[in-house]
PDB file of N, CA and C in Angstrom:
ATOM      1  N   UNK A   1      62.806  67.160 -15.469  1.00  0.00           N
ATOM      2  CA  UNK A   1      61.754  67.182 -16.199  1.00  0.00           C
ATOM      3  C   UNK A   1      61.569  68.715 -16.494  1.00  0.00           C
ATOM      4  N   UNK A   2      61.108  68.834 -17.754  1.00  0.00           N
ATOM      5  CA  UNK A   2      60.880  69.979 -18.484  1.00  0.00           C
ATOM      6  C   UNK A   2      59.584  70.689 -17.946  1.00  0.00           C
ATOM      7  N   UNK A   3      59.109  71.846 -18.065  1.00  0.00           N
ATOM      8  CA  UNK A   3      57.930  72.363 -17.668  1.00  0.00           C
ATOM      9  C   UNK A   3      56.721  71.858 -18.558  1.00  0.00           C
ATOM     10  N   UNK A   4      56.864  71.739 -19.758  1.00  0.00           N
ATOM     11  CA  UNK A   4      55.810  71.330 -20.817  1.00  0.00           C
ATOM     12  C   UNK A   4      55.463  69.794 -20.398  1.00  0.00           C
ATOM     13  N   UNK A   5      56.215  68.972 -19.872  1.00  0.00           N
ATOM     14  CA  UNK A   5      56.087  67.727 -19.482  1.00  0.00           C
ATOM     15  C   UNK A   5      55.481  67.621 -18.167  1.00  0.00           C
ATOM     16  N   UNK A   6      55.853  68.710 -17.319  1.00  0.00           N
ATOM     17  CA  UNK A   6      55.085  68.660 -16.020  1.00  0.00           C
ATOM     18  C   UNK A   6      53.694  69.226 -15.834  1.00  0.00           C
ATOM     19  N   UNK A   7      53.498  70.343 -17.050  1.00  0.00           N
ATOM     20  CA  UNK A   7      52.183  70.530 -17.154  1.00  0.00           C
ATOM     21  C   UNK A   7      51.342  69.478 -17.677  1.00  0.00           C
ATOM     22  N   UNK A   8      51.773  68.910 -18.807  1.00  0.00           N
ATOM     23  CA  UNK A   8      51.056  67.676 -19.367  1.00  0.00           C
ATOM     24  C   UNK A   8      50.625  66.817 -18.339  1.00  0.00           C
ATOM     25  N   UNK A   9      51.476  66.422 -17.378  1.00  0.00           N
ATOM     26  CA  UNK A   9      51.198  65.361 -16.468  1.00  0.00           C
ATOM     27  C   UNK A   9      50.534  65.887 -15.378  1.00  0.00           C
ATOM     28  N   UNK A  10      50.517  67.149 -15.170  1.00  0.00           N
ATOM     29  CA  UNK A  10      49.408  67.726 -14.300  1.00  0.00           C
ATOM     30  C   UNK A  10      47.938  67.652 -14.713  1.00  0.00           C
ATOM     31  N   UNK A  11      47.994  67.964 -16.048  1.00  0.00           N
ATOM     32  CA  UNK A  11      46.735  67.711 -16.662  1.00  0.00           C
ATOM     33  C   UNK A  11      46.183  66.527 -16.761  1.00  0.00           C
ATOM     34  N   UNK A  12      47.285  65.718 -17.095  1.00  0.00           N
ATOM     35  CA  UNK A  12      46.642  64.356 -16.972  1.00  0.00           C
ATOM     36  C   UNK A  12      46.203  63.867 -15.670  1.00  0.00           C
ATOM     37  N   UNK A  13      46.998  64.244 -14.605  1.00  0.00           N
ATOM     38  CA  UNK A  13      46.603  64.024 -13.306  1.00  0.00           C
ATOM     39  C   UNK A  13      45.155  64.317 -12.862  1.00  0.00           C
ATOM     40  N   UNK A  14      44.855  65.655 -13.408  1.00  0.00           N
ATOM     41  CA  UNK A  14      43.814  66.282 -13.065  1.00  0.00           C
ATOM     42  C   UNK A  14      42.519  65.620 -13.671  1.00  0.00           C
ATOM     43  N   UNK A  15      42.784  65.546 -14.981  1.00  0.00           N
ATOM     44  CA  UNK A  15      41.880  64.428 -15.918  1.00  0.00           C
ATOM     45  C   UNK A  15      41.597  63.532 -15.319  1.00  0.00           C
ATOM     46  N   UNK A  16      42.534  62.519 -14.891  1.00  0.00           N
ATOM     47  CA  UNK A  16      42.342  61.153 -14.292  1.00  0.00           C
ATOM     48  C   UNK A  16      41.590  61.336 -12.728  1.00  0.00           C
ATOM     49  N   UNK A  17      41.927  62.353 -12.116  1.00  0.00           N
ATOM     50  CA  UNK A  17      41.415  62.858 -10.784  1.00  0.00           C
ATOM     51  C   UNK A  17      39.734  62.955 -11.048  1.00  0.00           C
ATOM     52  N   UNK A  18      39.461  63.749 -11.975  1.00  0.00           N
ATOM     53  CA  UNK A  18      38.213  64.052 -12.208  1.00  0.00           C
ATOM     54  C   UNK A  18      37.464  62.625 -12.839  1.00  0.00           C
ATOM     55  N   UNK A  19      37.875  61.792 -13.689  1.00  0.00           N
ATOM     56  CA  UNK A  19      37.652  60.509 -14.300  1.00  0.00           C
ATOM     57  C   UNK A  19      37.237  59.615 -12.773  1.00  0.00           C
ATOM     58  N   UNK A  20      38.419  59.505 -12.025  1.00  0.00           N
ATOM     59  CA  UNK A  20      38.188  58.897 -10.692  1.00  0.00           C
ATOM     60  C   UNK A  20      37.071  58.945  -9.838  1.00  0.00           C
ATOM     61  N   UNK A  21      36.765  60.353  -9.758  1.00  0.00           N
ATOM     62  CA  UNK A  21      35.715  60.909  -8.966  1.00  0.00           C
ATOM     63  C   UNK A  21      34.385  60.431  -9.650  1.00  0.00           C
ATOM     64  N   UNK A  22      34.111  60.694 -11.071  1.00  0.00           N
ATOM     65  CA  UNK A  22      33.132  60.564 -11.617  1.00  0.00           C
ATOM     66  C   UNK A  22      32.896  58.743 -11.607  1.00  0.00           C
ATOM     67  N   UNK A  23      33.876  58.093 -11.823  1.00  0.00           N
ATOM     68  CA  UNK A  23      33.845  56.612 -11.720  1.00  0.00           C
ATOM     69  C   UNK A  23      33.467  56.315 -10.031  1.00  0.00           C
ATOM     70  N   UNK A  24      33.741  57.112  -9.236  1.00  0.00           N
ATOM     71  CA  UNK A  24      33.622  56.612  -8.090  1.00  0.00           C
ATOM     72  C   UNK A  24      32.255  56.952  -7.680  1.00  0.00           C
ATOM     73  N   UNK A  25      31.702  58.161  -8.036  1.00  0.00           N
ATOM     74  CA  UNK A  25      30.400  58.404  -7.812  1.00  0.00           C
ATOM     75  C   UNK A  25      29.304  57.514  -8.433  1.00  0.00           C
ATOM     76  N   UNK A  26      29.783  56.765  -9.688  1.00  0.00           N
ATOM     77  CA  UNK A  26      28.921  56.152 -10.495  1.00  0.00           C
ATOM     78  C   UNK A  26      29.080  54.530  -9.528  1.00  0.00           C
ATOM     79  N   UNK A  27      30.008  54.104  -8.830  1.00  0.00           N
ATOM     80  CA  UNK A  27      30.151  53.131  -7.935  1.00  0.00           C
ATOM     81  C   UNK A  27      29.273  53.196  -6.895  1.00  0.00           C
ATOM     82  N   UNK A  28      29.213  54.363  -6.279  1.00  0.00           N
ATOM     83  CA  UNK A  28      28.428  54.263  -5.208  1.00  0.00           C
ATOM     84  C   UNK A  28      27.011  54.415  -5.700  1.00  0.00           C
ATOM     85  N   UNK A  29      26.493  54.938  -6.659  1.00  0.00           N
ATOM     86  CA  UNK A  29      25.380  55.030  -6.934  1.00  0.00           C
ATOM     87  C   UNK A  29      24.905  53.435  -7.522  1.00  0.00           C
ATOM     88  N   UNK A  30      25.920  52.787  -8.025  1.00  0.00           N
ATOM     89  CA  UNK A  30      25.501  51.259  -8.399  1.00  0.00           C
ATOM     90  C   UNK A  30      25.141  50.540  -7.128  1.00  0.00           C
ATOM     91  N   UNK A  31      26.450  50.865  -6.176  1.00  0.00           N
ATOM     92  CA  UNK A  31      26.208  49.976  -4.898  1.00  0.00           C
ATOM     93  C   UNK A  31      24.642  50.471  -4.078  1.00  0.00           C
ATOM     94  N   UNK A  32      24.253  51.833  -4.225  1.00  0.00           N
ATOM     95  CA  UNK A  32      22.803  51.918  -3.536  1.00  0.00           C
ATOM     96  C   UNK A  32      21.935  50.999  -4.451  1.00  0.00           C
ATOM     97  N   UNK A  33      22.096  51.163  -5.719  1.00  0.00           N
ATOM     98  CA  UNK A  33      21.050  50.305  -6.464  1.00  0.00           C
ATOM     99  C   UNK A  33      21.187  48.847  -6.279  1.00  0.00           C
ATOM    100  N   UNK A  34      22.186  48.382  -5.923  1.00  0.00           N
ATOM    101  CA  UNK A  34      22.399  47.045  -5.764  1.00  0.00           C
ATOM    102  C   UNK A  34      21.699  46.795  -4.295  1.00  0.00           C
ATOM    103  N   UNK A  35      22.026  47.543  -3.407  1.00  0.00           N
ATOM    104  CA  UNK A  35      21.188  47.494  -2.143  1.00  0.00           C
ATOM    105  C   UNK A  35      19.942  47.455  -2.140  1.00  0.00           C
ATOM    106  N   UNK A  36      19.341  48.447  -3.046  1.00  0.00           N
ATOM    107  CA  UNK A  36      18.028  48.624  -3.284  1.00  0.00           C
ATOM    108  C   UNK A  36      17.454  47.324  -3.702  1.00  0.00           C
ATOM    109  N   UNK A  37      17.993  46.787  -4.639  1.00  0.00           N
ATOM    110  CA  UNK A  37      17.560  45.482  -5.505  1.00  0.00           C
ATOM    111  C   UNK A  37      17.822  44.264  -4.544  1.00  0.00           C
ATOM    112  N   UNK A  38      18.723  44.342  -3.554  1.00  0.00           N
ATOM    113  CA  UNK A  38      18.911  43.093  -2.714  1.00  0.00           C
ATOM    114  C   UNK A  38      17.791  43.245  -1.681  1.00  0.00           C
ATOM    115  N   UNK A  39      17.368  44.516  -1.178  1.00  0.00           N
ATOM    116  CA  UNK A  39      16.425  44.592  -0.141  1.00  0.00           C
ATOM    117  C   UNK A  39      14.929  44.072  -0.976  1.00  0.00           C
ATOM    118  N   UNK A  40      14.830  44.769  -2.188  1.00  0.00           N
ATOM    119  CA  UNK A  40      13.410  44.301  -2.721  1.00  0.00           C
ATOM    120  C   UNK A  40      13.577  42.920  -3.095  1.00  0.00           C
ATOM    121  N   UNK A  41      14.546  41.853  -3.259  1.00  0.00           N
ATOM    122  CA  UNK A  41      14.563  40.497  -3.340  1.00  0.00           C
ATOM    123  C   UNK A  41      14.447  40.075  -2.046  1.00  0.00           C
ATOM    124  N   UNK A  42      15.000  40.296  -1.057  1.00  0.00           N
ATOM    125  CA  UNK A  42      14.706  39.666   0.354  1.00  0.00           C
ATOM    126  C   UNK A  42      12.920  40.021   0.705  1.00  0.00           C
ATOM    127  N   UNK A  43      12.496  41.091   0.339  1.00  0.00           N
ATOM    128  CA  UNK A  43      11.129  41.516   0.665  1.00  0.00           C
ATOM    129  C   UNK A  43      10.283  40.204  -0.520  1.00  0.00           C
ATOM    130  N   UNK A  44      11.116  40.213  -1.464  1.00  0.00           N
ATOM    131  CA  UNK A  44      10.014  39.533  -2.664  1.00  0.00           C
ATOM    132  C   UNK A  44      10.037  38.092  -1.910  1.00  0.00           C
ATOM    133  N   UNK A  45      11.148  37.523  -1.500  1.00  0.00           N
ATOM    134  CA  UNK A  45      11.240  36.225  -1.006  1.00  0.00           C
ATOM    135  C   UNK A  45      10.473  35.884   0.149  1.00  0.00           C
ATOM    136  N   UNK A  46      10.382  37.075   1.040  1.00  0.00           N
ATOM    137  CA  UNK A  46       9.525  37.090   2.127  1.00  0.00           C
ATOM    138  C   UNK A  46       7.993  36.758   1.808  1.00  0.00           C
ATOM    139  N   UNK A  47       7.923  37.658   0.858  1.00  0.00           N
ATOM    140  CA  UNK A  47       6.291  37.496   0.361  1.00  0.00           C
ATOM    141  C   UNK A  47       5.931  36.305  -0.089  1.00  0.00           C
ATOM    142  N   UNK A  48       6.779  35.863  -0.875  1.00  0.00           N
ATOM    143  CA  UNK A  48       6.695  34.456  -1.384  1.00  0.00           C
ATOM    144  C   UNK A  48       6.559  33.506  -0.495  1.00  0.00           C
ATOM    145  N   UNK A  49       7.130  33.419   0.287  1.00  0.00           N
ATOM    146  CA  UNK A  49       7.162  32.668   1.477  1.00  0.00           C
ATOM    147  C   UNK A  49       5.881  32.479   2.206  1.00  0.00           C
ATOM    148  N   UNK A  50       5.256  33.639   2.318  1.00  0.00           N
ATOM    149  CA  UNK A  50       3.867  33.932   2.920  1.00  0.00           C
ATOM    150  C   UNK A  50       2.667  33.420   1.998  1.00  0.00           C
ATOM    151  N   UNK A  51       3.069  33.809   0.618  1.00  0.00           N
ATOM    152  CA  UNK A  51       2.406  33.210  -0.295  1.00  0.00           C
ATOM    153  C   UNK A  51       2.287  31.753  -0.532  1.00  0.00           C
ATOM    154  N   UNK A  52       3.362  31.132  -0.421  1.00  0.00           N
ATOM    155  CA  UNK A  52       3.655  29.463  -0.397  1.00  0.00           C
ATOM    156  C   UNK A  52       2.741  29.019   0.684  1.00  0.00           C
ATOM    157  N   UNK A  53       2.753  29.787   2.025  1.00  0.00           N
ATOM    158  CA  UNK A  53       1.929  29.343   3.080  1.00  0.00           C
ATOM    159  C   UNK A  53       0.519  29.283   2.753  1.00  0.00           C
ATOM    160  N   UNK A  54       0.094  30.300   2.394  1.00  0.00           N
ATOM    161  CA  UNK A  54      -1.259  30.593   1.985  1.00  0.00           C
ATOM    162  C   UNK A  54      -1.650  29.586   1.015  1.00  0.00           C
ATOM    163  N   UNK A  55      -0.863  29.344   0.033  1.00  0.00           N
ATOM    164  CA  UNK A  55      -1.163  28.331  -0.855  1.00  0.00           C
ATOM    165  C   UNK A  55      -1.491  26.673  -0.248  1.00  0.00           C
ATOM    166  N   UNK A  56      -0.328  26.401   0.750  1.00  0.00           N
ATOM    167  CA  UNK A  56      -0.620  25.277   1.467  1.00  0.00           C
ATOM    168  C   UNK A  56      -2.003  25.266   2.289  1.00  0.00           C
ATOM    169  N   UNK A  57      -2.110  26.364   3.034  1.00  0.00           N
ATOM    170  CA  UNK A  57      -3.408  26.500   3.555  1.00  0.00           C
ATOM    171  C   UNK A  57      -4.639  26.247   2.648  1.00  0.00           C
ATOM    172  N   UNK A  58      -4.531  26.953   1.598  1.00  0.00           N
ATOM    173  CA  UNK A  58      -5.647  26.908   0.560  1.00  0.00           C
ATOM    174  C   UNK A  58      -5.833  25.429   0.284  1.00  0.00           C
ATOM    175  N   UNK A  59      -4.689  24.694  -0.094  1.00  0.00           N
ATOM    176  CA  UNK A  59      -4.766  23.496  -0.585  1.00  0.00           C
ATOM    177  C   UNK A  59      -5.248  22.333   0.609  1.00  0.00           C
ATOM    178  N   UNK A  60      -4.806  22.890   1.608  1.00  0.00           N
ATOM    179  CA  UNK A  60      -5.509  21.872   2.694  1.00  0.00           C
ATOM    180  C   UNK A  60      -6.901  22.105   3.131  1.00  0.00           C
ATOM    181  N   UNK A  61      -7.186  23.220   3.053  1.00  0.00           N
ATOM    182  CA  UNK A  61      -8.856  23.813   3.148  1.00  0.00           C
ATOM    183  C   UNK A  61      -9.518  23.136   1.769  1.00  0.00           C
ATOM    184  N   UNK A  62      -9.047  23.154   0.811  1.00  0.00           N
ATOM    185  CA  UNK A  62      -9.771  22.539  -0.284  1.00  0.00           C
ATOM    186  C   UNK A  62     -10.006  20.835  -0.246  1.00  0.00           C
ATOM    187  N   UNK A  63      -8.882  20.159   0.510  1.00  0.00           N
ATOM    188  CA  UNK A  63      -8.833  18.879   0.534  1.00  0.00           C
ATOM    189  C   UNK A  63     -10.112  18.706   1.796  1.00  0.00           C
ATOM    190  N   UNK A  64     -10.016  19.628   2.677  1.00  0.00           N
ATOM    191  CA  UNK A  64     -11.201  19.284   3.763  1.00  0.00           C
ATOM    192  C   UNK A  64     -12.460  19.708   3.537  1.00  0.00           C
ATOM    193  N   UNK A  65     -12.737  20.795   2.173  1.00  0.00           N
ATOM    194  CA  UNK A  65     -13.928  21.228   1.845  1.00  0.00           C
ATOM    195  C   UNK A  65     -14.343  19.665   1.014  1.00  0.00           C
ATOM    196  N   UNK A  66     -13.371  19.060   0.141  1.00  0.00           N
ATOM    197  CA  UNK A  66     -13.851  17.943  -0.451  1.00  0.00           C
ATOM    198  C   UNK A  66     -14.244  16.797   0.243  1.00  0.00           C
ATOM    199  N   UNK A  67     -13.313  16.511   1.262  1.00  0.00           N
ATOM    200  CA  UNK A  67     -13.781  15.211   2.323  1.00  0.00           C
ATOM    201  C   UNK A  67     -14.980  15.900   3.015  1.00  0.00           C
ATOM    202  N   UNK A  68     -15.581  16.976   3.355  1.00  0.00           N
ATOM    203  CA  UNK A  68     -16.793  17.379   3.867  1.00  0.00           C
ATOM    204  C   UNK A  68     -17.846  17.174   2.679  1.00  0.00           C
ATOM    205  N   UNK A  69     -17.719  17.844   1.596  1.00  0.00           N
ATOM    206  CA  UNK A  69     -18.451  17.286   0.518  1.00  0.00           C
ATOM    207  C   UNK A  69     -19.050  15.898   0.274  1.00  0.00           C
ATOM    208  N   UNK A  70     -17.822  15.103  -0.009  1.00  0.00           N
ATOM    209  CA  UNK A  70     -18.160  13.496   0.075  1.00  0.00           C
ATOM    210  C   UNK A  70     -19.042  13.253   1.083  1.00  0.00           C
ATOM    211  N   UNK A  71     -18.447  13.499   2.356  1.00  0.00           N
ATOM    212  CA  UNK A  71     -19.186  13.057   3.504  1.00  0.00           C
ATOM    213  C   UNK A  71     -20.831  13.456   3.524  1.00  0.00           C
ATOM    214  N   UNK A  72     -21.260  14.762   2.967  1.00  0.00           N
ATOM    215  CA  UNK A  72     -22.453  15.243   2.858  1.00  0.00           C
ATOM    216  C   UNK A  72     -23.083  14.534   2.033  1.00  0.00           C
ATOM    217  N   UNK A  73     -22.539  14.128   0.524  1.00  0.00           N
ATOM    218  CA  UNK A  73     -23.198  13.496  -0.102  1.00  0.00           C
ATOM    219  C   UNK A  73     -23.559  11.927   0.327  1.00  0.00           C
ATOM    220  N   UNK A  74     -22.475  11.199   0.891  1.00  0.00           N
ATOM    221  CA  UNK A  74     -22.935   9.951   1.816  1.00  0.00           C
ATOM    222  C   UNK A  74     -23.788   9.899   2.456  1.00  0.00           C
ATOM    223  N   UNK A  75     -23.794  10.944   3.269  1.00  0.00           N
ATOM    224  CA  UNK A  75     -24.994  11.060   4.618  1.00  0.00           C
ATOM    225  C   UNK A  75     -26.360  11.395   3.578  1.00  0.00           C
ATOM    226  N   UNK A  76     -26.499  12.351   2.679  1.00  0.00           N
ATOM    227  CA  UNK A  76     -27.523  12.369   2.050  1.00  0.00           C
ATOM    228  C   UNK A  76     -28.150  11.084   1.361  1.00  0.00           C
ATOM    229  N   UNK A  77     -27.330  10.370   0.859  1.00  0.00           N
ATOM    230  CA  UNK A  77     -27.714   9.105   0.132  1.00  0.00           C
ATOM    231  C   UNK A  77     -28.129   8.167   1.473  1.00  0.00           C
ATOM    232  N   UNK A  78     -27.374   8.063   2.302  1.00  0.00           N
ATOM    233  CA  UNK A  78     -27.792   7.428   3.569  1.00  0.00           C
ATOM    234  C   UNK A  78     -29.021   8.046   3.939  1.00  0.00           C
ATOM    235  N   UNK A  79     -29.497   8.923   4.005  1.00  0.00           N
ATOM    236  CA  UNK A  79     -30.663   9.371   4.690  1.00  0.00           C
ATOM    237  C   UNK A  79     -31.704   9.437   3.655  1.00  0.00           C
ATOM    238  N   UNK A  80     -31.449   9.420   2.300  1.00  0.00           N
ATOM    239  CA  UNK A  80     -32.566   8.963   1.457  1.00  0.00           C
ATOM    240  C   UNK A  80     -33.041   7.645   1.445  1.00  0.00           C
ATOM    241  N   UNK A  81     -31.949   6.504   1.424  1.00  0.00           N
ATOM    242  CA  UNK A  81     -31.978   5.174   1.729  1.00  0.00           C
ATOM    243  C   UNK A  81     -32.791   4.840   2.950  1.00  0.00           C
ATOM    244  N   UNK A  82     -32.605   5.540   4.190  1.00  0.00           N
ATOM    245  CA  UNK A  82     -33.354   5.324   5.538  1.00  0.00           C
ATOM    246  C   UNK A  82     -34.975   5.902   5.256  1.00  0.00           C
ATOM    247  N   UNK A  83     -35.102   6.857   4.520  1.00  0.00           N
ATOM    248  CA  UNK A  83     -36.127   7.206   4.032  1.00  0.00           C
ATOM    249  C   UNK A  83     -36.861   6.252   3.685  1.00  0.00           C
ATOM    250  N   UNK A  84     -36.417   5.958   2.367  1.00  0.00           N
ATOM    251  CA  UNK A  84     -37.122   4.764   1.678  1.00  0.00           C
ATOM    252  C   UNK A  84     -37.407   3.444   2.476  1.00  0.00           C
ATOM    253  N   UNK A  85     -36.735   3.135   3.521  1.00  0.00           N
ATOM    254  CA  UNK A  85     -36.650   2.060   4.365  1.00  0.00           C
ATOM    255  C   UNK A  85     -37.889   2.580   5.294  1.00  0.00           C
ATOM    256  N   UNK A  86     -37.724   3.610   5.956  1.00  0.00           N
ATOM    257  CA  UNK A  86     -38.962   4.105   6.883  1.00  0.00           C
ATOM    258  C   UNK A  86     -40.327   3.839   6.207  1.00  0.00           C
ATOM    259  N   UNK A  87     -40.447   4.239   4.852  1.00  0.00           N
ATOM    260  CA  UNK A  87     -41.950   4.327   4.190  1.00  0.00           C
ATOM    261  C   UNK A  87     -42.079   2.938   3.875  1.00  0.00           C
ATOM    262  N   UNK A  88     -41.195   2.112   3.605  1.00  0.00           N
ATOM    263  CA  UNK A  88     -41.704   0.630   3.569  1.00  0.00           C
ATOM    264  C   UNK A  88     -41.834   0.137   4.900  1.00  0.00           C
ATOM    265  N   UNK A  89     -41.312   0.046   6.111  1.00  0.00           N
ATOM    266  CA  UNK A  89     -41.660  -0.331   7.227  1.00  0.00           C
ATOM    267  C   UNK A  89     -42.843   0.543   7.586  1.00  0.00           C
ATOM    268  N   UNK A  90     -43.348   1.519   7.431  1.00  0.00           N
ATOM    269  CA  UNK A  90     -44.652   2.189   7.826  1.00  0.00           C
ATOM    270  C   UNK A  90     -45.676   1.493   7.002  1.00  0.00           C
ATOM    271  N   UNK A  91     -45.600   1.032   5.836  1.00  0.00           N
ATOM    272  CA  UNK A  91     -46.684   0.268   5.186  1.00  0.00           C
ATOM    273  C   UNK A  91     -46.654  -0.562   5.478  1.00  0.00           C
ATOM    274  N   UNK A  92     -45.652  -1.504   5.780  1.00  0.00           N
ATOM    275  CA  UNK A  92     -45.618  -2.959   6.288  1.00  0.00           C
ATOM    276  C   UNK A  92     -46.483  -2.877   7.861  1.00  0.00           C
ATOM    277  N   UNK A  93     -46.145  -1.979   8.608  1.00  0.00           N
ATOM    278  CA  UNK A  93     -46.702  -1.843   9.930  1.00  0.00           C
ATOM    279  C   UNK A  93     -48.276  -1.746   9.709  1.00  0.00           C
ATOM    280  N   UNK A  94     -48.612  -0.866   8.666  1.00  0.00           N
ATOM    281  CA  UNK A  94     -49.968  -0.608   8.621  1.00  0.00           C
ATOM    282  C   UNK A  94     -50.666  -1.694   7.885  1.00  0.00           C
ATOM    283  N   UNK A  95     -50.049  -2.487   7.084  1.00  0.00           N
ATOM    284  CA  UNK A  95     -50.417  -3.861   6.535  1.00  0.00           C
ATOM    285  C   UNK A  95     -50.731  -4.914   7.685  1.00  0.00           C
ATOM    286  N   UNK A  96     -50.075  -4.955   8.594  1.00  0.00           N
ATOM    287  CA  UNK A  96     -49.850  -5.760   9.576  1.00  0.00           C
ATOM    288  C   UNK A  96     -51.068  -5.355  10.518  1.00  0.00           C
ATOM    289  N   UNK A  97     -50.908  -4.247  10.716  1.00  0.00           N
ATOM    290  CA  UNK A  97     -52.137  -3.617  11.734  1.00  0.00           C
ATOM    291  C   UNK A  97     -53.661  -4.009  11.205  1.00  0.00           C
ATOM    292  N   UNK A  98     -53.719  -3.822   9.938  1.00  0.00           N
ATOM    293  CA  UNK A  98     -55.042  -4.199   9.083  1.00  0.00           C
ATOM    294  C   UNK A  98     -55.152  -5.607   9.190  1.00  0.00           C
ATOM    295  N   UNK A  99     -54.312  -6.413   8.799  1.00  0.00           N
ATOM    296  CA  UNK A  99     -54.323  -7.781   9.078  1.00  0.00           C
ATOM    297  C   UNK A  99     -54.796  -8.103  10.359  1.00  0.00           C
ATOM    298  N   UNK A 100     -54.213  -7.624  11.542  1.00  0.00           N
ATOM    299  CA  UNK A 100     -54.594  -8.047  12.852  1.00  0.00           C
ATOM    300  C   UNK A 100     -56.003  -7.559  13.074  1.00  0.00           C
ATOM    301  N   UNK A 101     -56.496  -6.443  12.596  1.00  0.00           N
ATOM    302  CA  UNK A 101     -57.724  -6.052  13.047  1.00  0.00           C
ATOM    303  C   UNK A 101     -58.654  -6.824  12.419  1.00  0.00           C
ATOM    304  N   UNK A 102     -58.423  -7.289  10.971  1.00  0.00           N
ATOM    305  CA  UNK A 102     -59.522  -8.257  10.532  1.00  0.00           C
ATOM    306  C   UNK A 102     -59.444  -9.601  11.086  1.00  0.00           C
ATOM    307  N   UNK A 103     -58.158 -10.050  11.355  1.00  0.00           N
ATOM    308  CA  UNK A 103     -58.083 -11.388  12.155  1.00  0.00           C
ATOM    309  C   UNK A 103     -58.984 -11.201  13.581  1.00  0.00           C
ATOM    310  N   UNK A 104     -58.744 -10.053  14.308  1.00  0.00           N
ATOM    311  CA  UNK A 104     -59.788  -9.830  15.308  1.00  0.00           C
ATOM    312  C   UNK A 104     -60.889  -9.757  15.349  1.00  0.00           C
ATOM    313  N   UNK A 105     -61.403  -8.938  14.371  1.00  0.00           N
ATOM    314  CA  UNK A 105     -62.896  -8.890  14.043  1.00  0.00           C
ATOM    315  C   UNK A 105     -63.302 -10.232  13.510  1.00  0.00           C
ATOM    316  N   UNK A 106     -62.733 -11.185  12.686  1.00  0.00           N
ATOM    317  CA  UNK A 106     -63.139 -12.378  12.242  1.00  0.00           C
ATOM    318  C   UNK A 106     -63.262 -13.489  13.530  1.00  0.00           C
ATOM    319  N   UNK A 107     -62.509 -13.194  14.588  1.00  0.00           N
ATOM    320  CA  UNK A 107     -62.588 -13.867  15.798  1.00  0.00           C
ATOM    321  C   UNK A 107     -63.618 -13.706  16.530  1.00  0.00           C
ATOM    322  N   UNK A 108     -63.638 -12.255  16.541  1.00  0.00           N
ATOM    323  CA  UNK A 108     -65.055 -11.818  17.471  1.00  0.00           C
ATOM    324  C   UNK A 108     -66.226 -12.516  16.821  1.00  0.00           C
ATOM    325  N   UNK A 109     -66.442 -12.221  15.527  1.00  0.00           N
ATOM    326  CA  UNK A 109     -67.419 -12.833  15.027  1.00  0.00           C
ATOM    327  C   UNK A 109     -67.609 -14.361  15.120  1.00  0.00           C
ATOM    328  N   UNK A 110     -66.677 -14.919  15.098  1.00  0.00           N
ATOM    329  CA  UNK A 110     -66.735 -16.550  15.038  1.00  0.00           C
ATOM    330  C   UNK A 110     -67.092 -16.865  16.586  1.00  0.00           C
ATOM    331  N   UNK A 111     -66.651 -16.098  17.754  1.00  0.00           N
ATOM    332  CA  UNK A 111     -67.166 -16.083  19.071  1.00  0.00           C
ATOM    333  C   UNK A 111     -68.515 -15.843  19.192  1.00  0.00           C
ATOM    334  N   UNK A 112     -68.884 -14.883  18.365  1.00  0.00           N
ATOM    335  CA  UNK A 112     -70.478 -14.640  18.782  1.00  0.00           C
ATOM    336  C   UNK A 112     -71.461 -15.490  18.332  1.00  0.00           C
ATOM    337  N   UNK A 113     -70.910 -16.015  17.077  1.00  0.00           N
ATOM    338  CA  UNK A 113     -71.908 -17.300  16.515  1.00  0.00           C
ATOM    339  C   UNK A 113     -72.044 -18.505  17.148  1.00  0.00           C
TER     340      UNK A 113
END
């Protein structure tokens, strides 16, 4: 080989070596970025799992709240019905007491005469 060819090959080799080092640094940087992104994905998936559990808990709580609201409404309606029934019964008791008192008074008057 002649000297010019050897120098050309050395220059090419040196240039390729520099390119190789540059590409190697680029690969290392990209690998670090990939690792960072994979870590972020794992963290995001963990957070997503926590959020999904929270959503399920909230759904369950909402169902329970709806059930309790319905139960409260039903109990209030029953309470209202019982109040009306009680008032009606109190009126009936008072009417019967008055009727009994009148009947007793009439009998007493009849016995005196």
